[in-house]
Amino acid sequence: VSTQSTWGDVADVTHSTAFLTLDALVAQRRLIEERASYLKERYKQLHDRVLTIYQNDNFLLKKAKLIRKELDTEKSKVEKCGEVAKEDDATIQKLKRELAHAENELSVAQEKENMLQVETIELERKKSSLQSEVDEAIAEEENRMRPHIDAITKNINDLKE
């Protein structure tokens, strides 16, 4: 893209103060035409360079704004990720507390179960002991009552005959 077509009147240096001054110096014969043409050409080149630099600066500023916008977008994404990470950390901490509480409840339940197992064993031992006492008491009572039962049975048999 040519500087002339992009910048229009700004690129046209023929009406600039520098050109008008050089033309005035030539008209006053204080400067020869060849030197004035050379200076005008140099001025035009410098002016074109300034315009090119200005275009590049303008392009770079636009690009910098775009990159800044992208950076802000990425920064926002990173901040959101940070927030999500904080939320995840909070959730993890909450779950750890819940796990610790559940482990504590499990420990208490296991202790209670162990105590109940010991109590069950003790009660089964007592039951066994009491059953043995009952069996012994029944056996003693049968032994004590055996002569009476035998006598009554004999009487019944005698009566049948």
C-alpha atoms as a PDB file:
ATOM      1  CA  VAL A   1       0.000   0.000   0.000  1.00  0.00           C
ATOM      2  CA  SER A   2       1.549   3.277  -1.002  1.00  0.00           C
ATOM      3  CA  THR A   3       1.967   6.070   1.473  1.00  0.00           C
ATOM      4  CA  GLN A   4       0.369   8.522  -0.943  1.00  0.00           C
ATOM      5  CA  SER A   5      -2.889   6.560  -1.292  1.00  0.00           C
ATOM      6  CA  THR A   6      -3.121   5.741   2.409  1.00  0.00           C
ATOM      7  CA  TRP A   7      -2.517   9.205   3.776  1.00  0.00           C
ATOM      8  CA  GLY A   8      -3.831  11.432   0.999  1.00  0.00           C
ATOM      9  CA  ASP A   9      -3.015  15.124   1.631  1.00  0.00           C
ATOM     10  CA  VAL A  10      -0.699  14.316   4.542  1.00  0.00           C
ATOM     11  CA  ALA A  11       1.630  12.437   2.169  1.00  0.00           C
ATOM     12  CA  ASP A  12       1.618  15.287  -0.358  1.00  0.00           C
ATOM     13  CA  VAL A  13       4.581  17.413   0.701  1.00  0.00           C
ATOM     14  CA  THR A  14       4.535  19.730  -2.335  1.00  0.00           C
ATOM     15  CA  HIS A  15       2.586  22.330  -0.369  1.00  0.00           C
ATOM     16  CA  SER A  16       4.553  21.898   2.857  1.00  0.00           C
ATOM     17  CA  THR A  17       6.434  24.734   4.507  1.00  0.00           C
ATOM     18  CA  ALA A  18       9.731  23.047   3.645  1.00  0.00           C
ATOM     19  CA  PHE A  19       8.923  22.880  -0.083  1.00  0.00           C
ATOM     20  CA  LEU A  20       7.561  26.438  -0.122  1.00  0.00           C
ATOM     21  CA  THR A  21      10.703  27.673   1.646  1.00  0.00           C
ATOM     22  CA  LEU A  22      12.961  25.844  -0.818  1.00  0.00           C
ATOM     23  CA  ASP A  23      10.953  27.287  -3.747  1.00  0.00           C
ATOM     24  CA  ALA A  24      11.306  30.776  -2.219  1.00  0.00           C
ATOM     25  CA  LEU A  25      15.077  30.326  -1.835  1.00  0.00           C
ATOM     26  CA  VAL A  26      15.338  29.214  -5.492  1.00  0.00           C
ATOM     27  CA  ALA A  27      13.237  32.228  -6.562  1.00  0.00           C
ATOM     28  CA  GLN A  28      15.555  34.496  -4.570  1.00  0.00           C
ATOM     29  CA  ARG A  29      18.514  32.735  -6.220  1.00  0.00           C
ATOM     30  CA  ARG A  30      19.918  31.851  -2.856  1.00  0.00           C
ATOM     31  CA  LEU A  31      19.720  28.137  -3.748  1.00  0.00           C
ATOM     32  CA  ILE A  32      20.255  26.420  -7.078  1.00  0.00           C
ATOM     33  CA  GLU A  33      17.431  24.329  -8.570  1.00  0.00           C
ATOM     34  CA  GLU A  34      19.405  21.023  -8.469  1.00  0.00           C
ATOM     35  CA  ARG A  35      20.207  21.434  -4.779  1.00  0.00           C
ATOM     36  CA  ALA A  36      16.588  22.347  -4.055  1.00  0.00           C
ATOM     37  CA  SER A  37      15.384  19.253  -5.990  1.00  0.00           C
ATOM     38  CA  TYR A  38      17.831  17.088  -4.054  1.00  0.00           C
ATOM     39  CA  LEU A  39      16.659  18.585  -0.715  1.00  0.00           C
ATOM     40  CA  LYS A  40      13.010  18.207  -1.721  1.00  0.00           C
ATOM     41  CA  GLU A  41      13.614  14.550  -2.619  1.00  0.00           C
ATOM     42  CA  ARG A  42      15.414  13.950   0.704  1.00  0.00           C
ATOM     43  CA  TYR A  43      12.624  15.740   2.561  1.00  0.00           C
ATOM     44  CA  LYS A  44      10.033  13.622   0.744  1.00  0.00           C
ATOM     45  CA  GLN A  45      11.937  10.434   1.655  1.00  0.00           C
ATOM     46  CA  LEU A  46      12.211  11.493   5.295  1.00  0.00           C
ATOM     47  CA  HIS A  47       8.560  12.479   5.316  1.00  0.00           C
ATOM     48  CA  ASP A  48       7.607   9.102   3.805  1.00  0.00           C
ATOM     49  CA  ARG A  49       9.700   7.375   6.482  1.00  0.00           C
ATOM     50  CA  VAL A  50       7.956   9.367   9.201  1.00  0.00           C
ATOM     51  CA  LEU A  51       4.584   8.360   7.741  1.00  0.00           C
ATOM     52  CA  THR A  52       5.699   4.718   7.522  1.00  0.00           C
ATOM     53  CA  ILE A  53       6.895   4.825  11.120  1.00  0.00           C
ATOM     54  CA  TYR A  54       3.612   6.432  12.106  1.00  0.00           C
ATOM     55  CA  GLN A  55       1.715   3.668  10.243  1.00  0.00           C
ATOM     56  CA  ASN A  56       3.832   1.009  11.956  1.00  0.00           C
ATOM     57  CA  ASP A  57       3.267   2.643  15.329  1.00  0.00           C
ATOM     58  CA  ASN A  58      -0.448   2.805  14.627  1.00  0.00           C
ATOM     59  CA  PHE A  59      -0.449  -0.867  13.580  1.00  0.00           C
ATOM     60  CA  LEU A  60       1.576  -1.844  16.651  1.00  0.00           C
ATOM     61  CA  LEU A  61      -0.755   0.133  18.927  1.00  0.00           C
ATOM     62  CA  LYS A  62      -3.777  -1.649  17.454  1.00  0.00           C
ATOM     63  CA  LYS A  63      -1.993  -4.968  17.801  1.00  0.00           C
ATOM     64  CA  ALA A  64      -1.005  -4.105  21.382  1.00  0.00           C
ATOM     65  CA  LYS A  65      -4.639  -3.259  22.176  1.00  0.00           C
ATOM     66  CA  LEU A  66      -5.753  -6.564  20.702  1.00  0.00           C
ATOM     67  CA  ILE A  67      -3.065  -8.473  22.599  1.00  0.00           C
ATOM     68  CA  ARG A  68      -4.000  -6.579  25.768  1.00  0.00           C
ATOM     69  CA  LYS A  69      -7.631  -7.576  25.266  1.00  0.00           C
ATOM     70  CA  GLU A  70      -6.570 -11.213  24.765  1.00  0.00           C
ATOM     71  CA  LEU A  71      -4.361 -10.977  27.839  1.00  0.00           C
ATOM     72  CA  ASP A  72      -7.261  -9.602  29.872  1.00  0.00           C
ATOM     73  CA  THR A  73      -9.443 -12.452  28.607  1.00  0.00           C
ATOM     74  CA  GLU A  74      -6.802 -15.008  29.562  1.00  0.00           C
ATOM     75  CA  LYS A  75      -6.292 -13.289  32.906  1.00  0.00           C
ATOM     76  CA  SER A  76     -10.021 -13.523  33.517  1.00  0.00           C
ATOM     77  CA  LYS A  77      -9.933 -17.215  32.642  1.00  0.00           C
ATOM     78  CA  VAL A  78      -7.015 -17.757  35.016  1.00  0.00           C
ATOM     79  CA  GLU A  79      -8.840 -15.897  37.773  1.00  0.00           C
ATOM     80  CA  LYS A  80     -11.927 -18.042  37.173  1.00  0.00           C
ATOM     81  CA  CYS A  81      -9.739 -21.140  37.317  1.00  0.00           C
ATOM     82  CA  GLY A  82      -8.272 -19.803  40.554  1.00  0.00           C
ATOM     83  CA  GLU A  83     -11.770 -19.317  41.936  1.00  0.00           C
ATOM     84  CA  VAL A  84     -12.726 -22.822  40.841  1.00  0.00           C
ATOM     85  CA  ALA A  85      -9.545 -24.136  42.457  1.00  0.00           C
ATOM     86  CA  LYS A  86     -10.420 -22.305  45.688  1.00  0.00           C
ATOM     87  CA  GLU A  87     -13.925 -23.756  45.558  1.00  0.00           C
ATOM     88  CA  ASP A  88     -12.449 -27.198  44.895  1.00  0.00           C
ATOM     89  CA  ASP A  89     -10.055 -26.749  47.826  1.00  0.00           C
ATOM     90  CA  ALA A  90     -12.962 -25.712  50.037  1.00  0.00           C
ATOM     91  CA  THR A  91     -14.934 -28.763  48.883  1.00  0.00           C
ATOM     92  CA  ILE A  92     -11.932 -31.005  49.515  1.00  0.00           C
ATOM     93  CA  GLN A  93     -11.507 -29.570  53.013  1.00  0.00           C
ATOM     94  CA  LYS A  94     -15.219 -30.048  53.706  1.00  0.00           C
ATOM     95  CA  LEU A  95     -15.047 -33.646  52.472  1.00  0.00           C
ATOM     96  CA  LYS A  96     -11.959 -34.261  54.606  1.00  0.00           C
ATOM     97  CA  ARG A  97     -13.845 -32.968  57.664  1.00  0.00           C
ATOM     98  CA  GLU A  98     -16.822 -35.176  56.779  1.00  0.00           C
ATOM     99  CA  LEU A  99     -14.489 -38.151  56.315  1.00  0.00           C
ATOM    100  CA  ALA A 100     -12.820 -37.487  59.681  1.00  0.00           C
ATOM    101  CA  HIS A 101     -16.256 -37.251  61.313  1.00  0.00           C
ATOM    102  CA  ALA A 102     -17.379 -40.490  59.622  1.00  0.00           C
ATOM    103  CA  GLU A 103     -14.149 -42.230  60.680  1.00  0.00           C
ATOM    104  CA  ASN A 104     -14.720 -41.040  64.228  1.00  0.00           C
ATOM    105  CA  GLU A 105     -18.299 -42.351  64.147  1.00  0.00           C
ATOM    106  CA  LEU A 106     -17.017 -45.643  62.719  1.00  0.00           C
ATOM    107  CA  SER A 107     -14.438 -45.898  65.497  1.00  0.00           C
ATOM    108  CA  VAL A 108     -17.113 -45.266  68.143  1.00  0.00           C
ATOM    109  CA  ALA A 109     -19.402 -47.839  66.483  1.00  0.00           C
ATOM    110  CA  GLN A 110     -16.575 -50.407  66.374  1.00  0.00           C
ATOM    111  CA  GLU A 111     -15.808 -49.833  70.058  1.00  0.00           C
ATOM    112  CA  LYS A 112     -19.492 -50.256  70.878  1.00  0.00           C
ATOM    113  CA  GLU A 113     -19.639 -53.416  68.748  1.00  0.00           C
ATOM    114  CA  ASN A 114     -16.587 -54.807  70.558  1.00  0.00           C
ATOM    115  CA  MET A 115     -18.162 -54.033  73.923  1.00  0.00           C
ATOM    116  CA  LEU A 116     -21.411 -55.709  72.830  1.00  0.00           C
ATOM    117  CA  GLN A 117     -19.483 -58.761  71.607  1.00  0.00           C
ATOM    118  CA  VAL A 118     -17.741 -59.029  74.986  1.00  0.00           C
ATOM    119  CA  GLU A 119     -21.111 -58.583  76.727  1.00  0.00           C
ATOM    120  CA  THR A 120     -22.666 -61.231  74.438  1.00  0.00           C
ATOM    121  CA  ILE A 121     -19.881 -63.685  75.255  1.00  0.00           C
ATOM    122  CA  GLU A 122     -20.339 -62.977  78.976  1.00  0.00           C
ATOM    123  CA  LEU A 123     -24.118 -63.408  78.724  1.00  0.00           C
ATOM    124  CA  GLU A 124     -23.703 -66.666  76.759  1.00  0.00           C
ATOM    125  CA  ARG A 125     -21.304 -67.903  79.456  1.00  0.00           C
ATOM    126  CA  LYS A 126     -23.845 -66.966  82.143  1.00  0.00           C
ATOM    127  CA  LYS A 127     -26.616 -68.649  80.157  1.00  0.00           C
ATOM    128  CA  SER A 128     -24.521 -71.771  79.849  1.00  0.00           C
ATOM    129  CA  SER A 129     -23.724 -71.647  83.536  1.00  0.00           C
ATOM    130  CA  LEU A 130     -27.397 -71.139  84.451  1.00  0.00           C
ATOM    131  CA  GLN A 131     -28.447 -73.926  82.058  1.00  0.00           C
ATOM    132  CA  SER A 132     -25.957 -76.218  83.767  1.00  0.00           C
ATOM    133  CA  GLU A 133     -27.374 -75.222  87.163  1.00  0.00           C
ATOM    134  CA  VAL A 134     -30.921 -75.831  85.903  1.00  0.00           C
ATOM    135  CA  ASP A 135     -29.911 -79.198  84.422  1.00  0.00           C
ATOM    136  CA  GLU A 136     -28.224 -80.147  87.730  1.00  0.00           C
ATOM    137  CA  ALA A 137     -31.253 -78.966  89.715  1.00  0.00           C
ATOM    138  CA  ILE A 138     -33.578 -81.014  87.495  1.00  0.00           C
ATOM    139  CA  ALA A 139     -31.288 -84.034  87.781  1.00  0.00           C
ATOM    140  CA  GLU A 140     -31.117 -83.665  91.593  1.00  0.00           C
ATOM    141  CA  GLU A 141     -34.882 -83.257  91.785  1.00  0.00           C
ATOM    142  CA  GLU A 142     -35.363 -86.328  89.587  1.00  0.00           C
ATOM    143  CA  ASN A 143     -32.924 -88.246  91.784  1.00  0.00           C
ATOM    144  CA  ARG A 144     -34.739 -87.046  94.888  1.00  0.00           C
ATOM    145  CA  MET A 145     -38.122 -87.851  93.391  1.00  0.00           C
ATOM    146  CA  ARG A 146     -37.025 -91.144  91.774  1.00  0.00           C
ATOM    147  CA  PRO A 147     -37.955 -93.322  94.743  1.00  0.00           C
ATOM    148  CA  HIS A 148     -41.436 -91.729  94.911  1.00  0.00           C
ATOM    149  CA  ILE A 149     -41.912 -92.044  91.144  1.00  0.00           C
ATOM    150  CA  ASP A 150     -40.751 -95.665  91.218  1.00  0.00           C
ATOM    151  CA  ALA A 151     -43.126 -96.413  94.109  1.00  0.00           C
ATOM    152  CA  ILE A 152     -46.057 -94.732  92.382  1.00  0.00           C
ATOM    153  CA  THR A 153     -45.230 -96.531  89.125  1.00  0.00           C
ATOM    154  CA  LYS A 154     -45.117 -99.861  91.016  1.00  0.00           C
ATOM    155  CA  ASN A 155     -48.464 -99.107  92.628  1.00  0.00           C
ATOM    156  CA  ILE A 156     -49.977 -98.301  89.269  1.00  0.00           C
ATOM    157  CA  ASN A 157     -48.625-101.514  87.812  1.00  0.00           C
ATOM    158  CA  ASP A 158     -49.916-103.489  90.796  1.00  0.00           C
ATOM    159  CA  LEU A 159     -53.313-101.977  90.338  1.00  0.00           C
ATOM    160  CA  LYS A 160     -53.374-102.899  86.723  1.00  0.00           C
ATOM    161  CA  GLU A 161     -52.741-106.515  87.448  1.00  0.00           C
END
